[in-house]
Amino acid sequence: MEMKKRISLELRNRNPAEVVELVVDNCRSGDGEVEGLTDEYSELEVLSMVNVGLTSLSRLPSLPKLRKLEVSDNTISGGLDTLAEKCPNLTYLNLSGNKIKELSAIDGLQNLKNLKSLDLYSCEVSTLDDYRESVLELLPQLTYLDGYDQEDNEAPDSDHDDEDEAGPHGDEDDDDEDEDEDSEGEEDEVGLSYLMKEGIQDEEDDGDYVEEEEEDEEEEEEDGDVHGAAVQGEKRKRDAEDEGDDDDDE
């Protein structure tokens, strides 16, 4: 797809002045120049044109708010002087995989006073003797060259920043887990107490049931004794009557 058409599609019915980030990687520049990008993109802060066949940035429009420019894997060999004029606030520039062979090709970057990170990885210039020392001396405003500072500390990236920002939230999640564990512990204690209480109640109920059975047995025994006494008394009465009848007969 041609760069001009790709940029038009990336607008997505927006006004160019509303676009803050524009990515048109892997499209095609017809003549090796930036096509379809105009001064109307005045709010643009991030521009990525990776592997689009660029040979020059001379037709790059004025982008006063641009901070990050990705133009790796193209065939740019020079003409970087225009960046200081077109993008004065540029802080990050990725030129890796281009045709930059000599230090003189990056002389124009000295005027980018806000430039903090420059990537020249896989450019022929990076094979020169004392490459790092020479570039950092030429561009003293740089903090990172090819992703590392002068002490070989790796440059932080957006993923690391996101992880740092997520740190406190992670702690909150741990707190939530601790609270959940505490709640579960309390529930277990409550449940255990409840079961113990139920067990005690069952024992009391069993005790009451045994007492009731014993009382019932005692009542039955008493009833049996009374009934037995009554039967015995009735038998004696009948025997006495029978003896009286025998006396009358005599």
C-alpha atoms as a PDB file:
ATOM      1  CA  MET A   1       0.000   0.000   0.000  1.00  0.00           C
ATOM      2  CA  GLU A   2       1.249   3.482  -0.831  1.00  0.00           C
ATOM      3  CA  MET A   3       2.241   5.690   2.086  1.00  0.00           C
ATOM      4  CA  LYS A   4      -0.124   8.477   1.099  1.00  0.00           C
ATOM      5  CA  LYS A   5      -3.126   6.133   1.069  1.00  0.00           C
ATOM      6  CA  ARG A   6      -2.027   4.466   4.309  1.00  0.00           C
ATOM      7  CA  ILE A   7      -1.803   7.805   6.105  1.00  0.00           C
ATOM      8  CA  SER A   8      -5.261   8.723   4.837  1.00  0.00           C
ATOM      9  CA  LEU A   9      -6.657   5.453   6.203  1.00  0.00           C
ATOM     10  CA  GLU A  10      -4.947   5.960   9.558  1.00  0.00           C
ATOM     11  CA  LEU A  11      -6.845   9.224  10.002  1.00  0.00           C
ATOM     12  CA  ARG A  12     -10.063   7.256  10.562  1.00  0.00           C
ATOM     13  CA  ASN A  13     -12.296  10.242   9.931  1.00  0.00           C
ATOM     14  CA  ARG A  14     -10.271  12.420  12.317  1.00  0.00           C
ATOM     15  CA  ASN A  15      -8.915  15.849  11.694  1.00  0.00           C
ATOM     16  CA  PRO A  16      -5.091  15.732  11.163  1.00  0.00           C
ATOM     17  CA  ALA A  17      -4.669  18.158  14.061  1.00  0.00           C
ATOM     18  CA  GLU A  18      -6.265  15.570  16.378  1.00  0.00           C
ATOM     19  CA  VAL A  19      -3.705  12.851  15.635  1.00  0.00           C
ATOM     20  CA  VAL A  20      -1.072  12.356  18.345  1.00  0.00           C
ATOM     21  CA  GLU A  21       0.420   9.046  17.199  1.00  0.00           C
ATOM     22  CA  LEU A  22       0.777   7.785  13.632  1.00  0.00           C
ATOM     23  CA  VAL A  23       2.098   4.348  12.613  1.00  0.00           C
ATOM     24  CA  VAL A  24       2.514   3.563   8.903  1.00  0.00           C
ATOM     25  CA  ASP A  25       5.068   0.741   9.043  1.00  0.00           C
ATOM     26  CA  ASN A  26       5.633  -1.525   6.029  1.00  0.00           C
ATOM     27  CA  CYS A  27       3.808   0.590   3.470  1.00  0.00           C
ATOM     28  CA  ARG A  28       5.579   1.958   0.367  1.00  0.00           C
ATOM     29  CA  SER A  29       7.057   5.356  -0.385  1.00  0.00           C
ATOM     30  CA  GLY A  30       6.891   5.857  -4.144  1.00  0.00           C
ATOM     31  CA  ASP A  31       9.937   8.099  -4.505  1.00  0.00           C
ATOM     32  CA  GLY A  32      11.770   7.440  -1.248  1.00  0.00           C
ATOM     33  CA  GLU A  33      10.361  10.565   0.387  1.00  0.00           C
ATOM     34  CA  VAL A  34       7.716  11.152   3.057  1.00  0.00           C
ATOM     35  CA  GLU A  35       4.349  11.309   1.285  1.00  0.00           C
ATOM     36  CA  GLY A  36       0.915  12.303   2.553  1.00  0.00           C
ATOM     37  CA  LEU A  37       2.150  13.919   5.767  1.00  0.00           C
ATOM     38  CA  THR A  38       1.596  17.685   6.070  1.00  0.00           C
ATOM     39  CA  ASP A  39       1.986  20.549   8.523  1.00  0.00           C
ATOM     40  CA  GLU A  40      -1.650  19.938   9.550  1.00  0.00           C
ATOM     41  CA  TYR A  41      -0.418  17.158  11.855  1.00  0.00           C
ATOM     42  CA  SER A  42       0.657  19.805  14.324  1.00  0.00           C
ATOM     43  CA  GLU A  43      -0.137  17.735  17.467  1.00  0.00           C
ATOM     44  CA  LEU A  44       1.768  14.636  16.360  1.00  0.00           C
ATOM     45  CA  GLU A  45       4.085  13.316  19.083  1.00  0.00           C
ATOM     46  CA  VAL A  46       4.938   9.812  17.849  1.00  0.00           C
ATOM     47  CA  LEU A  47       5.659   8.898  14.211  1.00  0.00           C
ATOM     48  CA  SER A  48       6.684   5.427  13.028  1.00  0.00           C
ATOM     49  CA  MET A  49       7.714   4.781   9.407  1.00  0.00           C
ATOM     50  CA  VAL A  50       9.581   1.480   9.650  1.00  0.00           C
ATOM     51  CA  ASN A  51      10.517  -0.320   6.415  1.00  0.00           C
ATOM     52  CA  VAL A  52       8.742   2.018   4.007  1.00  0.00           C
ATOM     53  CA  GLY A  53      11.589   2.562   1.529  1.00  0.00           C
ATOM     54  CA  LEU A  54      12.661   6.015   2.708  1.00  0.00           C
ATOM     55  CA  THR A  55      15.935   7.380   1.321  1.00  0.00           C
ATOM     56  CA  SER A  56      15.553  10.895   2.719  1.00  0.00           C
ATOM     57  CA  LEU A  57      13.717  12.944   5.350  1.00  0.00           C
ATOM     58  CA  SER A  58      14.002  16.202   3.429  1.00  0.00           C
ATOM     59  CA  ARG A  59      10.248  16.359   2.781  1.00  0.00           C
ATOM     60  CA  LEU A  60       9.273  15.750   6.388  1.00  0.00           C
ATOM     61  CA  PRO A  61       6.772  18.491   7.357  1.00  0.00           C
ATOM     62  CA  SER A  62       7.130  20.725  10.402  1.00  0.00           C
ATOM     63  CA  LEU A  63       6.132  18.686  13.463  1.00  0.00           C
ATOM     64  CA  PRO A  64       6.877  20.924  16.464  1.00  0.00           C
ATOM     65  CA  LYS A  65       5.543  18.477  19.089  1.00  0.00           C
ATOM     66  CA  LEU A  66       7.142  15.317  17.721  1.00  0.00           C
ATOM     67  CA  ARG A  67       9.072  13.500  20.473  1.00  0.00           C
ATOM     68  CA  LYS A  68       9.639  10.048  19.000  1.00  0.00           C
ATOM     69  CA  LEU A  69      10.613   9.197  15.413  1.00  0.00           C
ATOM     70  CA  GLU A  70      10.995   5.589  14.243  1.00  0.00           C
ATOM     71  CA  VAL A  71      12.527   5.244  10.760  1.00  0.00           C
ATOM     72  CA  SER A  72      14.470   1.988  11.098  1.00  0.00           C
ATOM     73  CA  ASP A  73      15.035  -0.476   8.234  1.00  0.00           C
ATOM     74  CA  ASN A  74      15.021   2.132   5.484  1.00  0.00           C
ATOM     75  CA  THR A  75      17.873   3.313   3.203  1.00  0.00           C
ATOM     76  CA  ILE A  76      18.530   6.760   4.687  1.00  0.00           C
ATOM     77  CA  SER A  77      22.188   7.744   4.268  1.00  0.00           C
ATOM     78  CA  GLY A  78      22.210  11.398   5.335  1.00  0.00           C
ATOM     79  CA  GLY A  79      20.290  14.650   5.157  1.00  0.00           C
ATOM     80  CA  LEU A  80      19.495  14.600   8.886  1.00  0.00           C
ATOM     81  CA  ASP A  81      20.160  18.339   9.280  1.00  0.00           C
ATOM     82  CA  THR A  82      16.497  19.045   8.568  1.00  0.00           C
ATOM     83  CA  LEU A  83      15.354  17.318  11.767  1.00  0.00           C
ATOM     84  CA  ALA A  84      16.561  20.137  14.038  1.00  0.00           C
ATOM     85  CA  GLU A  85      14.410  22.572  12.105  1.00  0.00           C
ATOM     86  CA  LYS A  86      11.359  20.373  11.544  1.00  0.00           C
ATOM     87  CA  CYS A  87      11.293  18.506  14.871  1.00  0.00           C
ATOM     88  CA  PRO A  88      13.088  20.662  17.479  1.00  0.00           C
ATOM     89  CA  ASN A  89      11.607  18.735  20.446  1.00  0.00           C
ATOM     90  CA  LEU A  90      12.677  15.277  19.300  1.00  0.00           C
ATOM     91  CA  THR A  91      13.933  13.164  22.213  1.00  0.00           C
ATOM     92  CA  TYR A  92      14.077   9.687  20.620  1.00  0.00           C
ATOM     93  CA  LEU A  93      15.370   8.790  17.135  1.00  0.00           C
ATOM     94  CA  ASN A  94      15.701   5.267  15.775  1.00  0.00           C
ATOM     95  CA  LEU A  95      17.852   5.063  12.630  1.00  0.00           C
ATOM     96  CA  SER A  96      18.863   1.407  12.982  1.00  0.00           C
ATOM     97  CA  GLY A  97      19.179  -0.621   9.802  1.00  0.00           C
ATOM     98  CA  ASN A  98      19.822   2.386   7.527  1.00  0.00           C
ATOM     99  CA  LYS A  99      22.770   3.280   5.239  1.00  0.00           C
ATOM    100  CA  ILE A 100      24.602   5.613   7.602  1.00  0.00           C
ATOM    101  CA  LYS A 101      28.305   4.924   7.143  1.00  0.00           C
ATOM    102  CA  GLU A 102      30.201   7.902   8.565  1.00  0.00           C
ATOM    103  CA  LEU A 103      29.999  10.037  11.686  1.00  0.00           C
ATOM    104  CA  SER A 104      29.663  13.081   9.460  1.00  0.00           C
ATOM    105  CA  ALA A 105      26.203  11.819   8.447  1.00  0.00           C
ATOM    106  CA  ILE A 106      24.907  12.501  11.962  1.00  0.00           C
ATOM    107  CA  ASP A 107      26.591  15.867  12.484  1.00  0.00           C
ATOM    108  CA  GLY A 108      23.259  17.631  11.992  1.00  0.00           C
ATOM    109  CA  LEU A 109      21.848  15.931  15.108  1.00  0.00           C
ATOM    110  CA  GLN A 110      24.023  18.177  17.280  1.00  0.00           C
ATOM    111  CA  ASN A 111      21.329  20.836  16.996  1.00  0.00           C
ATOM    112  CA  LEU A 112      18.691  18.527  18.487  1.00  0.00           C
ATOM    113  CA  LYS A 113      19.289  19.771  22.026  1.00  0.00           C
ATOM    114  CA  ASN A 114      16.520  17.595  23.535  1.00  0.00           C
ATOM    115  CA  LEU A 115      17.666  14.341  21.927  1.00  0.00           C
ATOM    116  CA  LYS A 116      18.219  11.763  24.668  1.00  0.00           C
ATOM    117  CA  SER A 117      18.181   8.439  22.824  1.00  0.00           C
ATOM    118  CA  LEU A 118      19.689   7.528  19.436  1.00  0.00           C
ATOM    119  CA  ASP A 119      19.724   4.098  17.825  1.00  0.00           C
ATOM    120  CA  LEU A 120      22.202   3.333  15.031  1.00  0.00           C
ATOM    121  CA  TYR A 121      22.233  -0.436  15.454  1.00  0.00           C
ATOM    122  CA  SER A 122      22.982  -2.377  12.223  1.00  0.00           C
ATOM    123  CA  CYS A 123      24.188   0.782  10.503  1.00  0.00           C
ATOM    124  CA  GLU A 124      27.673   0.563   9.032  1.00  0.00           C
ATOM    125  CA  VAL A 125      28.843   3.440  11.206  1.00  0.00           C
ATOM    126  CA  SER A 126      28.428   1.227  14.292  1.00  0.00           C
ATOM    127  CA  THR A 127      31.350  -0.946  13.129  1.00  0.00           C
ATOM    128  CA  LEU A 128      33.875   1.905  13.323  1.00  0.00           C
ATOM    129  CA  ASP A 129      36.618   1.839  15.926  1.00  0.00           C
ATOM    130  CA  ASP A 130      35.705   3.755  19.098  1.00  0.00           C
ATOM    131  CA  TYR A 131      32.179   4.072  17.724  1.00  0.00           C
ATOM    132  CA  ARG A 132      30.398   4.628  21.045  1.00  0.00           C
ATOM    133  CA  GLU A 133      32.966   7.044  22.427  1.00  0.00           C
ATOM    134  CA  SER A 134      32.968   9.046  19.187  1.00  0.00           C
ATOM    135  CA  VAL A 135      29.178   9.334  18.955  1.00  0.00           C
ATOM    136  CA  LEU A 136      28.762  10.267  22.610  1.00  0.00           C
ATOM    137  CA  GLU A 137      31.473  12.888  22.243  1.00  0.00           C
ATOM    138  CA  LEU A 138      29.837  14.285  19.104  1.00  0.00           C
ATOM    139  CA  LEU A 139      26.385  14.294  20.713  1.00  0.00           C
ATOM    140  CA  PRO A 140      26.914  15.024  24.430  1.00  0.00           C
ATOM    141  CA  GLN A 141      23.193  15.592  24.958  1.00  0.00           C
ATOM    142  CA  LEU A 142      22.580  11.840  24.510  1.00  0.00           C
ATOM    143  CA  THR A 143      21.778   9.667  27.505  1.00  0.00           C
ATOM    144  CA  TYR A 144      21.359   6.409  25.580  1.00  0.00           C
ATOM    145  CA  LEU A 145      23.053   5.103  22.441  1.00  0.00           C
ATOM    146  CA  ASP A 146      21.707   1.868  20.970  1.00  0.00           C
ATOM    147  CA  GLY A 147      19.708   1.290  24.150  1.00  0.00           C
ATOM    148  CA  TYR A 148      22.548   1.719  26.693  1.00  0.00           C
ATOM    149  CA  ASP A 149      24.043   4.609  28.622  1.00  0.00           C
ATOM    150  CA  GLN A 150      27.751   5.313  29.159  1.00  0.00           C
ATOM    151  CA  GLU A 151      27.861   2.836  32.083  1.00  0.00           C
ATOM    152  CA  ASP A 152      26.224   0.129  29.945  1.00  0.00           C
ATOM    153  CA  ASN A 153      22.932   0.396  31.814  1.00  0.00           C
ATOM    154  CA  GLU A 154      19.994  -0.555  29.640  1.00  0.00           C
ATOM    155  CA  ALA A 155      17.467   2.141  28.804  1.00  0.00           C
ATOM    156  CA  PRO A 156      14.049   1.667  30.422  1.00  0.00           C
ATOM    157  CA  ASP A 157      11.213   0.932  28.035  1.00  0.00           C
ATOM    158  CA  SER A 158       7.452   1.356  28.194  1.00  0.00           C
ATOM    159  CA  ASP A 159       6.982  -2.237  29.396  1.00  0.00           C
ATOM    160  CA  HIS A 160       9.173  -1.593  32.437  1.00  0.00           C
ATOM    161  CA  ASP A 161       7.340   1.647  33.136  1.00  0.00           C
ATOM    162  CA  ASP A 162       4.006  -0.158  32.993  1.00  0.00           C
ATOM    163  CA  GLU A 163       5.291  -2.768  35.421  1.00  0.00           C
ATOM    164  CA  ASP A 164       6.475  -0.056  37.821  1.00  0.00           C
ATOM    165  CA  GLU A 165       3.108   1.631  37.653  1.00  0.00           C
ATOM    166  CA  ALA A 166       1.405  -1.670  38.214  1.00  0.00           C
ATOM    167  CA  GLY A 167       3.508  -2.329  41.346  1.00  0.00           C
ATOM    168  CA  PRO A 168       1.229  -0.614  43.901  1.00  0.00           C
ATOM    169  CA  HIS A 169      -1.781  -2.285  42.347  1.00  0.00           C
ATOM    170  CA  GLY A 170      -0.015  -5.595  42.739  1.00  0.00           C
ATOM    171  CA  ASP A 171       0.448  -4.811  46.441  1.00  0.00           C
ATOM    172  CA  GLU A 172      -3.228  -4.004  46.726  1.00  0.00           C
ATOM    173  CA  ASP A 173      -4.010  -7.373  45.187  1.00  0.00           C
ATOM    174  CA  ASP A 174      -1.785  -9.022  47.801  1.00  0.00           C
ATOM    175  CA  ASP A 175      -3.633  -7.134  50.522  1.00  0.00           C
ATOM    176  CA  ASP A 176      -6.920  -8.303  49.080  1.00  0.00           C
ATOM    177  CA  GLU A 177      -5.634 -11.874  49.083  1.00  0.00           C
ATOM    178  CA  ASP A 178      -4.527 -11.500  52.711  1.00  0.00           C
ATOM    179  CA  GLU A 179      -7.947 -10.131  53.610  1.00  0.00           C
ATOM    180  CA  ASP A 180      -9.579 -13.044  51.831  1.00  0.00           C
ATOM    181  CA  GLU A 181      -7.364 -15.490  53.712  1.00  0.00           C
ATOM    182  CA  ASP A 182      -8.210 -13.762  57.015  1.00  0.00           C
ATOM    183  CA  SER A 183     -11.889 -13.916  56.148  1.00  0.00           C
ATOM    184  CA  GLU A 184     -11.579 -17.587  55.306  1.00  0.00           C
ATOM    185  CA  GLY A 185      -9.749 -18.156  58.603  1.00  0.00           C
ATOM    186  CA  GLU A 186     -12.509 -16.381  60.514  1.00  0.00           C
ATOM    187  CA  GLU A 187     -15.126 -18.400  58.666  1.00  0.00           C
ATOM    188  CA  ASP A 188     -13.257 -21.609  59.544  1.00  0.00           C
ATOM    189  CA  GLU A 189     -13.153 -20.561  63.207  1.00  0.00           C
ATOM    190  CA  VAL A 190     -16.809 -19.680  63.162  1.00  0.00           C
ATOM    191  CA  GLY A 191     -17.597 -22.958  61.454  1.00  0.00           C
ATOM    192  CA  LEU A 192     -15.553 -24.899  64.007  1.00  0.00           C
ATOM    193  CA  SER A 193     -17.210 -23.076  66.869  1.00  0.00           C
ATOM    194  CA  TYR A 194     -20.575 -23.804  65.341  1.00  0.00           C
ATOM    195  CA  LEU A 195     -19.788 -27.502  64.968  1.00  0.00           C
ATOM    196  CA  MET A 196     -18.508 -27.673  68.542  1.00  0.00           C
ATOM    197  CA  LYS A 197     -21.636 -25.937  69.733  1.00  0.00           C
ATOM    198  CA  GLU A 198     -23.741 -28.330  67.715  1.00  0.00           C
ATOM    199  CA  GLY A 199     -21.822 -31.268  69.226  1.00  0.00           C
ATOM    200  CA  ILE A 200     -22.380 -29.964  72.751  1.00  0.00           C
ATOM    201  CA  GLN A 201     -26.046 -29.411  71.997  1.00  0.00           C
ATOM    202  CA  ASP A 202     -26.326 -32.934  70.609  1.00  0.00           C
ATOM    203  CA  GLU A 203     -24.716 -34.305  73.779  1.00  0.00           C
ATOM    204  CA  GLU A 204     -27.126 -32.292  75.911  1.00  0.00           C
ATOM    205  CA  ASP A 205     -30.030 -33.498  73.826  1.00  0.00           C
ATOM    206  CA  ASP A 206     -28.788 -37.079  74.137  1.00  0.00           C
ATOM    207  CA  GLY A 207     -28.471 -36.584  77.905  1.00  0.00           C
ATOM    208  CA  ASP A 208     -32.005 -35.210  78.079  1.00  0.00           C
ATOM    209  CA  TYR A 209     -33.205 -38.132  76.001  1.00  0.00           C
ATOM    210  CA  VAL A 210     -31.489 -40.650  78.308  1.00  0.00           C
ATOM    211  CA  GLU A 211     -32.965 -38.915  81.367  1.00  0.00           C
ATOM    212  CA  GLU A 212     -36.393 -38.967  79.764  1.00  0.00           C
ATOM    213  CA  GLU A 213     -35.991 -42.678  78.993  1.00  0.00           C
ATOM    214  CA  GLU A 214     -34.952 -43.352  82.582  1.00  0.00           C
ATOM    215  CA  GLU A 215     -37.927 -41.351  83.870  1.00  0.00           C
ATOM    216  CA  ASP A 216     -40.235 -43.245  81.523  1.00  0.00           C
ATOM    217  CA  GLU A 217     -38.792 -46.543  82.712  1.00  0.00           C
ATOM    218  CA  GLU A 218     -39.261 -45.486  86.350  1.00  0.00           C
ATOM    219  CA  GLU A 219     -42.833 -44.444  85.634  1.00  0.00           C
ATOM    220  CA  GLU A 220     -43.453 -47.746  83.903  1.00  0.00           C
ATOM    221  CA  GLU A 221     -41.981 -49.598  86.859  1.00  0.00           C
ATOM    222  CA  GLU A 222     -44.155 -47.597  89.257  1.00  0.00           C
ATOM    223  CA  ASP A 223     -47.182 -48.219  87.077  1.00  0.00           C
ATOM    224  CA  GLY A 224     -46.228 -51.888  86.973  1.00  0.00           C
ATOM    225  CA  ASP A 225     -45.915 -52.008  90.756  1.00  0.00           C
ATOM    226  CA  VAL A 226     -49.241 -50.280  91.212  1.00  0.00           C
ATOM    227  CA  HIS A 227     -50.865 -52.506  88.673  1.00  0.00           C
ATOM    228  CA  GLY A 228     -49.308 -55.566  90.285  1.00  0.00           C
ATOM    229  CA  ALA A 229     -50.465 -54.461  93.703  1.00  0.00           C
ATOM    230  CA  ALA A 230     -53.950 -53.879  92.386  1.00  0.00           C
ATOM    231  CA  VAL A 231     -54.045 -57.296  90.785  1.00  0.00           C
ATOM    232  CA  GLN A 232     -52.728 -58.882  93.972  1.00  0.00           C
ATOM    233  CA  GLY A 233     -55.344 -57.054  96.015  1.00  0.00           C
ATOM    234  CA  GLU A 234     -58.088 -58.127  93.659  1.00  0.00           C
ATOM    235  CA  LYS A 235     -56.917 -61.728  93.906  1.00  0.00           C
ATOM    236  CA  ARG A 236     -56.926 -61.613  97.701  1.00  0.00           C
ATOM    237  CA  LYS A 237     -60.437 -60.135  97.662  1.00  0.00           C
ATOM    238  CA  ARG A 238     -61.697 -62.925  95.449  1.00  0.00           C
ATOM    239  CA  ASP A 239     -60.032 -65.549  97.650  1.00  0.00           C
ATOM    240  CA  ALA A 240     -61.685 -64.028 100.715  1.00  0.00           C
ATOM    241  CA  GLU A 241     -65.076 -64.074  99.013  1.00  0.00           C
ATOM    242  CA  ASP A 242     -64.554 -67.653  97.968  1.00  0.00           C
ATOM    243  CA  GLU A 243     -63.757 -68.640 101.553  1.00  0.00           C
ATOM    244  CA  GLY A 244     -66.940 -66.861 102.735  1.00  0.00           C
ATOM    245  CA  ASP A 245     -69.014 -68.806 100.282  1.00  0.00           C
ATOM    246  CA  ASP A 246     -67.528 -72.055 101.510  1.00  0.00           C
ATOM    247  CA  ASP A 247     -68.477 -71.167 105.130  1.00  0.00           C
ATOM    248  CA  ASP A 248     -72.083 -70.457 104.100  1.00  0.00           C
ATOM    249  CA  ASP A 249     -72.332 -73.794 102.420  1.00  0.00           C
ATOM    250  CA  GLU A 250     -71.292 -75.567 105.563  1.00  0.00           C
END
